[in-house]
């Protein structure tokens, strides 16, 4: 009898909430840690624009531009983030955004695999301290 009540509760919950199954490799850390992302050169690129997509707030967090093929970021607040990069060249339209959750553009341990970052707020006293 208890088992049936649990099954009914789960069925009701699944009908009330939508669930999207994602198979991204998740890197876990805190807002005090730094993360370095890297990419290959874009054809004719002079610099690269980087932004984060915060999934819980459905908002972009601009990270600026760089001429280098890597960039170090810190997560501004807790949540799941996708890293996005595109190439820029003077007199040309920007390239499409390459996203870390697209396995055709992303690598984990040298193999094609989508990934994202999950950060939680660092405990007091650890902000800005390397681990």
C-alpha atoms as a PDB file:
ATOM      1  CA  UNK A   1       0.000   0.000   0.000  1.00  0.00           C
ATOM      2  CA  UNK A   2       2.803   2.436   0.784  1.00  0.00           C
ATOM      3  CA  UNK A   3       4.482   1.519  -2.494  1.00  0.00           C
ATOM      4  CA  UNK A   4       1.365   2.477  -4.470  1.00  0.00           C
ATOM      5  CA  UNK A   5       1.208   5.870  -2.728  1.00  0.00           C
ATOM      6  CA  UNK A   6       4.816   6.562  -3.703  1.00  0.00           C
ATOM      7  CA  UNK A   7       4.162   5.560  -7.304  1.00  0.00           C
ATOM      8  CA  UNK A   8       1.120   7.826  -7.466  1.00  0.00           C
ATOM      9  CA  UNK A   9       3.136  10.755  -6.063  1.00  0.00           C
ATOM     10  CA  UNK A  10       5.864  10.221  -8.662  1.00  0.00           C
ATOM     11  CA  UNK A  11       3.356  10.016 -11.483  1.00  0.00           C
ATOM     12  CA  UNK A  12       1.705  13.235 -10.317  1.00  0.00           C
ATOM     13  CA  UNK A  13       5.074  14.983 -10.032  1.00  0.00           C
ATOM     14  CA  UNK A  14       6.153  13.934 -13.505  1.00  0.00           C
ATOM     15  CA  UNK A  15       2.901  15.265 -14.947  1.00  0.00           C
ATOM     16  CA  UNK A  16       3.247  18.587 -13.107  1.00  0.00           C
ATOM     17  CA  UNK A  17       6.890  19.265 -14.039  1.00  0.00           C
ATOM     18  CA  UNK A  18       8.714  18.989 -17.321  1.00  0.00           C
ATOM     19  CA  UNK A  19      12.076  17.274 -17.255  1.00  0.00           C
ATOM     20  CA  UNK A  20      14.651  17.562 -19.999  1.00  0.00           C
ATOM     21  CA  UNK A  21      17.242  14.800 -19.989  1.00  0.00           C
ATOM     22  CA  UNK A  22      20.711  16.211 -20.742  1.00  0.00           C
ATOM     23  CA  UNK A  23      23.895  14.253 -21.272  1.00  0.00           C
ATOM     24  CA  UNK A  24      26.530  16.957 -20.778  1.00  0.00           C
ATOM     25  CA  UNK A  25      29.748  16.274 -18.906  1.00  0.00           C
ATOM     26  CA  UNK A  26      29.579  18.558 -15.865  1.00  0.00           C
ATOM     27  CA  UNK A  27      32.587  20.329 -14.399  1.00  0.00           C
ATOM     28  CA  UNK A  28      31.858  21.227 -10.759  1.00  0.00           C
ATOM     29  CA  UNK A  29      33.450  24.057  -8.811  1.00  0.00           C
ATOM     30  CA  UNK A  30      32.876  27.263  -6.909  1.00  0.00           C
ATOM     31  CA  UNK A  31      32.631  30.932  -7.779  1.00  0.00           C
ATOM     32  CA  UNK A  32      36.136  31.366  -6.308  1.00  0.00           C
ATOM     33  CA  UNK A  33      37.771  29.095  -8.890  1.00  0.00           C
ATOM     34  CA  UNK A  34      39.057  30.023 -12.338  1.00  0.00           C
ATOM     35  CA  UNK A  35      38.329  27.981 -15.464  1.00  0.00           C
ATOM     36  CA  UNK A  36      40.412  28.213 -18.643  1.00  0.00           C
ATOM     37  CA  UNK A  37      38.666  27.397 -21.907  1.00  0.00           C
ATOM     38  CA  UNK A  38      40.496  26.986 -25.234  1.00  0.00           C
ATOM     39  CA  UNK A  39      39.555  26.695 -28.909  1.00  0.00           C
ATOM     40  CA  UNK A  40      41.155  26.344 -32.324  1.00  0.00           C
ATOM     41  CA  UNK A  41      41.805  29.300 -34.630  1.00  0.00           C
ATOM     42  CA  UNK A  42      38.914  30.652 -36.674  1.00  0.00           C
ATOM     43  CA  UNK A  43      39.568  31.287 -40.354  1.00  0.00           C
ATOM     44  CA  UNK A  44      40.737  34.906 -40.694  1.00  0.00           C
ATOM     45  CA  UNK A  45      39.892  35.664 -37.054  1.00  0.00           C
ATOM     46  CA  UNK A  46      41.485  38.713 -35.469  1.00  0.00           C
ATOM     47  CA  UNK A  47      39.905  38.203 -32.065  1.00  0.00           C
ATOM     48  CA  UNK A  48      37.302  36.120 -30.270  1.00  0.00           C
ATOM     49  CA  UNK A  49      34.217  37.066 -28.308  1.00  0.00           C
ATOM     50  CA  UNK A  50      33.373  34.981 -25.237  1.00  0.00           C
ATOM     51  CA  UNK A  51      30.143  34.762 -23.294  1.00  0.00           C
ATOM     52  CA  UNK A  52      28.523  32.461 -20.779  1.00  0.00           C
ATOM     53  CA  UNK A  53      24.927  31.331 -20.860  1.00  0.00           C
ATOM     54  CA  UNK A  54      23.390  30.958 -17.385  1.00  0.00           C
ATOM     55  CA  UNK A  55      20.780  28.214 -17.785  1.00  0.00           C
ATOM     56  CA  UNK A  56      18.748  28.851 -14.625  1.00  0.00           C
ATOM     57  CA  UNK A  57      18.319  32.559 -15.335  1.00  0.00           C
ATOM     58  CA  UNK A  58      18.225  32.138 -19.125  1.00  0.00           C
ATOM     59  CA  UNK A  59      20.663  35.035 -19.449  1.00  0.00           C
ATOM     60  CA  UNK A  60      23.977  35.747 -21.188  1.00  0.00           C
ATOM     61  CA  UNK A  61      27.023  36.994 -19.285  1.00  0.00           C
ATOM     62  CA  UNK A  62      29.476  38.750 -21.625  1.00  0.00           C
ATOM     63  CA  UNK A  63      33.130  37.994 -20.932  1.00  0.00           C
ATOM     64  CA  UNK A  64      34.681  40.349 -23.487  1.00  0.00           C
ATOM     65  CA  UNK A  65      37.120  39.649 -26.322  1.00  0.00           C
ATOM     66  CA  UNK A  66      40.638  38.314 -26.704  1.00  0.00           C
ATOM     67  CA  UNK A  67      43.136  37.690 -29.508  1.00  0.00           C
ATOM     68  CA  UNK A  68      44.391  34.573 -27.694  1.00  0.00           C
ATOM     69  CA  UNK A  69      43.093  31.040 -28.262  1.00  0.00           C
ATOM     70  CA  UNK A  70      42.182  30.636 -24.596  1.00  0.00           C
ATOM     71  CA  UNK A  71      40.451  32.620 -21.915  1.00  0.00           C
ATOM     72  CA  UNK A  72      40.169  32.302 -18.142  1.00  0.00           C
ATOM     73  CA  UNK A  73      36.767  32.895 -16.575  1.00  0.00           C
ATOM     74  CA  UNK A  74      35.237  32.970 -13.106  1.00  0.00           C
ATOM     75  CA  UNK A  75      31.586  32.185 -12.627  1.00  0.00           C
ATOM     76  CA  UNK A  76      29.716  35.279 -11.423  1.00  0.00           C
ATOM     77  CA  UNK A  77      27.101  33.323  -9.403  1.00  0.00           C
ATOM     78  CA  UNK A  78      25.912  29.778  -8.830  1.00  0.00           C
ATOM     79  CA  UNK A  79      24.270  27.710 -11.542  1.00  0.00           C
ATOM     80  CA  UNK A  80      24.876  25.859 -14.810  1.00  0.00           C
ATOM     81  CA  UNK A  81      26.817  27.659 -17.533  1.00  0.00           C
ATOM     82  CA  UNK A  82      27.500  26.987 -21.199  1.00  0.00           C
ATOM     83  CA  UNK A  83      30.596  28.628 -22.683  1.00  0.00           C
ATOM     84  CA  UNK A  84      30.171  30.229 -26.112  1.00  0.00           C
ATOM     85  CA  UNK A  85      32.892  31.619 -28.408  1.00  0.00           C
ATOM     86  CA  UNK A  86      32.803  33.217 -31.850  1.00  0.00           C
ATOM     87  CA  UNK A  87      35.468  34.710 -34.101  1.00  0.00           C
ATOM     88  CA  UNK A  88      35.554  38.335 -35.193  1.00  0.00           C
ATOM     89  CA  UNK A  89      37.338  39.890 -38.164  1.00  0.00           C
ATOM     90  CA  UNK A  90      37.214  43.509 -39.274  1.00  0.00           C
ATOM     91  CA  UNK A  91      34.887  44.043 -42.229  1.00  0.00           C
ATOM     92  CA  UNK A  92      33.303  40.593 -41.877  1.00  0.00           C
ATOM     93  CA  UNK A  93      30.261  39.268 -40.074  1.00  0.00           C
ATOM     94  CA  UNK A  94      31.014  37.399 -36.831  1.00  0.00           C
ATOM     95  CA  UNK A  95      31.096  33.627 -37.068  1.00  0.00           C
ATOM     96  CA  UNK A  96      28.341  31.519 -35.542  1.00  0.00           C
ATOM     97  CA  UNK A  97      28.678  30.869 -31.808  1.00  0.00           C
ATOM     98  CA  UNK A  98      30.537  27.655 -30.949  1.00  0.00           C
ATOM     99  CA  UNK A  99      28.983  26.227 -27.773  1.00  0.00           C
ATOM    100  CA  UNK A 100      30.423  23.873 -25.188  1.00  0.00           C
ATOM    101  CA  UNK A 101      27.147  21.901 -25.202  1.00  0.00           C
ATOM    102  CA  UNK A 102      27.538  21.038 -28.905  1.00  0.00           C
ATOM    103  CA  UNK A 103      29.626  17.868 -29.180  1.00  0.00           C
ATOM    104  CA  UNK A 104      30.661  18.761 -32.750  1.00  0.00           C
ATOM    105  CA  UNK A 105      32.619  21.708 -31.255  1.00  0.00           C
ATOM    106  CA  UNK A 106      33.423  20.525 -27.720  1.00  0.00           C
ATOM    107  CA  UNK A 107      35.921  18.049 -26.295  1.00  0.00           C
ATOM    108  CA  UNK A 108      36.189  16.251 -22.961  1.00  0.00           C
ATOM    109  CA  UNK A 109      39.467  14.373 -22.420  1.00  0.00           C
ATOM    110  CA  UNK A 110      40.271  14.853 -26.104  1.00  0.00           C
ATOM    111  CA  UNK A 111      37.054  13.229 -27.311  1.00  0.00           C
ATOM    112  CA  UNK A 112      33.940  14.888 -28.769  1.00  0.00           C
ATOM    113  CA  UNK A 113      31.518  15.443 -25.908  1.00  0.00           C
ATOM    114  CA  UNK A 114      29.293  18.290 -24.772  1.00  0.00           C
ATOM    115  CA  UNK A 115      30.083  19.897 -21.424  1.00  0.00           C
ATOM    116  CA  UNK A 116      29.032  22.705 -19.115  1.00  0.00           C
ATOM    117  CA  UNK A 117      30.083  24.199 -15.807  1.00  0.00           C
ATOM    118  CA  UNK A 118      28.225  24.065 -12.524  1.00  0.00           C
ATOM    119  CA  UNK A 119      29.385  26.464  -9.880  1.00  0.00           C
ATOM    120  CA  UNK A 120      28.162  27.102  -6.381  1.00  0.00           C
ATOM    121  CA  UNK A 121      28.956  30.066  -4.180  1.00  0.00           C
ATOM    122  CA  UNK A 122      32.316  29.693  -2.445  1.00  0.00           C
ATOM    123  CA  UNK A 123      32.265  29.564   1.359  1.00  0.00           C
ATOM    124  CA  UNK A 124      33.259  32.782   3.186  1.00  0.00           C
ATOM    125  CA  UNK A 125      37.000  33.289   3.335  1.00  0.00           C
ATOM    126  CA  UNK A 126      37.665  31.347   0.124  1.00  0.00           C
ATOM    127  CA  UNK A 127      36.713  33.987  -2.413  1.00  0.00           C
ATOM    128  CA  UNK A 128      39.621  34.667  -4.715  1.00  0.00           C
ATOM    129  CA  UNK A 129      41.810  31.968  -3.139  1.00  0.00           C
ATOM    130  CA  UNK A 130      43.304  29.355  -5.488  1.00  0.00           C
ATOM    131  CA  UNK A 131      42.736  25.692  -4.684  1.00  0.00           C
END
